[in-house]
Amino acid sequence: MLLTGSVAAVSKPEPKKPEFSKPEPRMHRLVLPINSDDPTTMRALISTALNLPRYYRERNEPFEIEVVAYNAGVHMLRADTSPVKDLLRMVRGLTPDIRFVVCEATKLGMERAEGHPLVLLDHVDLVPNGPGRIIELQEAGWSYIRS
């Protein structure tokens, strides 16, 4: 059979190109323990707490830190004995995604030994047990760096 005239062209739809969307950046989470009253160790931790968020901000990747103070490290977050309280105020201003927590068991022991309630720096939370908190965060996928 011979077809004459115009035949409507039937076009197949073009195959869909795969859509590649950039995946959501992975949330980076870091727990930093402090169990020493040594100012040099505290400053090293603060340096890490300042530099890592900057690194991830430059990559547009979210990042959060939790500093867990226990044993002698509680001095870092005490209003009366912290040798780095001015640095911590600066950190709080530059890195809002950082949480500071104190081991309540250590705090209670210090209060018993010293005979008075401890006053912590502003924006410091309590957790029942510092090492237990570190373990929980690691089990939840948080990274751990020892300063």
Protein backbone atom coordinates (compact mmCIF):
# COMPACT_ATOMS: atom_id res chain seq x y z
CA MET A 1 0.00 0.00 0.00
CA LEU A 2 1.30 3.36 -0.99
CA LEU A 3 0.65 6.28 1.28
CA THR A 4 0.29 9.65 -0.21
CA GLY A 5 -0.23 12.99 1.37
CA SER A 6 1.02 14.00 4.70
CA VAL A 7 1.23 11.61 7.50
CA ALA A 8 1.26 13.06 10.95
CA ALA A 9 4.61 12.41 12.41
CA VAL A 10 4.38 10.47 15.56
CA SER A 11 7.15 11.39 17.86
CA LYS A 12 8.25 9.35 20.74
CA PRO A 13 8.85 11.26 23.90
CA GLU A 14 12.51 11.74 24.55
CA PRO A 15 13.83 9.47 27.23
CA LYS A 16 13.97 11.21 30.58
CA LYS A 17 17.42 12.17 31.64
CA PRO A 18 18.22 11.09 35.14
CA GLU A 19 17.86 13.93 37.57
CA PHE A 20 20.86 14.26 39.79
CA SER A 21 20.16 16.44 42.72
CA LYS A 22 22.87 17.34 45.10
CA PRO A 23 22.29 15.38 48.28
CA GLU A 24 21.62 17.26 51.46
CA PRO A 25 24.90 17.86 53.23
CA ARG A 26 25.47 15.42 56.03
CA MET A 27 25.31 16.84 59.55
CA HIS A 28 28.70 16.59 61.21
CA ARG A 29 28.61 16.14 64.97
CA LEU A 30 31.55 16.19 67.37
CA VAL A 31 31.82 15.53 71.09
CA LEU A 32 34.83 17.06 72.83
CA PRO A 33 35.59 15.82 76.35
CA ILE A 34 37.45 17.85 78.94
CA ASN A 35 38.53 16.17 82.16
CA SER A 36 41.61 18.24 82.98
CA ASP A 37 41.99 21.57 84.79
CA ASP A 38 45.09 22.34 82.69
CA PRO A 39 44.60 25.70 80.88
CA THR A 40 46.72 24.53 77.91
CA THR A 41 44.43 21.54 77.38
CA MET A 42 41.39 23.82 77.66
CA ARG A 43 42.82 26.23 75.07
CA ALA A 44 43.52 23.32 72.70
CA LEU A 45 39.89 22.24 73.01
CA ILE A 46 38.71 25.81 72.36
CA SER A 47 40.93 25.98 69.28
CA THR A 48 39.30 22.84 67.91
CA ALA A 49 35.85 24.22 68.77
CA LEU A 50 36.62 27.35 66.72
CA ASN A 51 38.44 25.87 63.74
CA LEU A 52 36.30 22.86 62.83
CA PRO A 53 33.02 24.78 62.47
CA ARG A 54 34.82 27.31 60.25
CA TYR A 55 36.10 24.45 58.06
CA TYR A 56 32.61 23.02 57.59
CA ARG A 57 30.96 26.44 57.09
CA GLU A 58 33.35 27.04 54.16
CA ARG A 59 32.07 23.76 52.68
CA ASN A 60 28.43 24.69 53.40
CA GLU A 61 28.05 21.62 55.60
CA PRO A 62 26.26 21.74 58.94
CA PHE A 63 28.25 21.08 62.08
CA GLU A 64 27.60 20.97 65.80
CA ILE A 65 29.76 20.38 68.85
CA GLU A 66 29.06 19.30 72.39
CA VAL A 67 31.75 19.88 75.00
CA VAL A 68 31.39 17.49 77.94
CA ALA A 69 33.19 18.50 81.14
CA TYR A 70 33.74 15.99 83.92
CA ASN A 71 36.22 15.39 86.74
CA ALA A 72 38.73 18.27 86.91
CA GLY A 73 37.51 19.52 83.52
CA VAL A 74 34.46 21.04 85.25
CA HIS A 75 36.77 23.92 86.28
CA MET A 76 36.68 25.05 82.64
CA LEU A 77 32.97 25.87 82.98
CA ARG A 78 32.90 27.19 86.56
CA ALA A 79 32.30 30.91 87.04
CA ASP A 80 34.83 31.09 89.89
CA THR A 81 37.71 28.93 88.62
CA SER A 82 37.64 28.95 84.81
CA PRO A 83 40.97 30.15 83.40
CA VAL A 84 39.37 30.46 79.95
CA LYS A 85 35.99 32.11 80.62
CA ASP A 86 36.79 35.10 78.37
CA LEU A 87 37.73 32.75 75.52
CA LEU A 88 34.51 30.80 76.06
CA ARG A 89 32.44 33.99 75.71
CA MET A 90 34.17 34.61 72.38
CA VAL A 91 33.53 31.01 71.26
CA ARG A 92 29.85 31.31 72.12
CA GLY A 93 29.61 34.46 69.99
CA LEU A 94 31.43 32.98 67.00
CA THR A 95 30.09 29.43 67.13
CA PRO A 96 26.43 29.31 68.14
CA ASP A 97 26.14 25.58 67.35
CA ILE A 98 28.16 24.55 70.38
CA ARG A 99 26.73 23.15 73.58
CA PHE A 100 28.59 23.01 76.88
CA VAL A 101 27.57 20.44 79.48
CA VAL A 102 28.85 19.52 82.93
CA CYS A 103 28.69 16.13 84.60
CA GLU A 104 26.20 16.53 87.44
CA ALA A 105 27.84 13.72 89.42
CA THR A 106 31.16 15.60 89.36
CA LYS A 107 29.46 18.89 90.23
CA LEU A 108 27.72 17.33 93.25
CA GLY A 109 31.00 15.79 94.42
CA MET A 110 32.77 19.15 94.15
CA GLU A 111 29.95 20.85 96.05
CA ARG A 112 30.22 18.29 98.87
CA ALA A 113 34.01 18.65 99.01
CA GLU A 114 33.97 22.47 98.91
CA GLY A 115 30.91 22.94 101.12
CA HIS A 116 29.05 25.34 98.81
CA PRO A 117 27.04 25.28 95.57
CA LEU A 118 29.01 25.71 92.36
CA VAL A 119 28.11 28.51 89.99
CA LEU A 120 28.57 27.57 86.35
CA LEU A 121 29.11 29.94 83.45
CA ASP A 122 26.05 31.07 81.50
CA HIS A 123 24.63 28.70 78.90
CA VAL A 124 26.04 25.56 80.53
CA ASP A 125 23.73 22.57 80.92
CA LEU A 126 23.93 19.59 83.27
CA VAL A 127 23.95 15.94 82.26
CA PRO A 128 23.65 13.16 84.85
CA ASN A 129 26.99 11.57 83.94
CA GLY A 130 29.71 13.03 81.69
CA PRO A 131 31.36 9.82 80.47
CA GLY A 132 27.91 8.29 80.00
CA ARG A 133 26.91 11.26 77.84
CA ILE A 134 30.02 10.80 75.69
CA ILE A 135 29.20 7.12 75.18
CA GLU A 136 25.58 7.95 74.24
CA LEU A 137 26.69 10.52 71.67
CA GLN A 138 29.23 8.14 70.13
CA GLU A 139 26.60 5.41 69.91
CA ALA A 140 24.36 7.94 68.12
CA GLY A 141 27.07 8.49 65.48
CA TRP A 142 28.91 11.51 66.91
CA SER A 143 32.65 11.73 66.29
CA TYR A 144 35.06 11.93 69.21
CA ILE A 145 38.29 13.89 69.31
CA ARG A 146 40.47 14.00 72.38
CA SER A 147 42.19 17.37 72.86
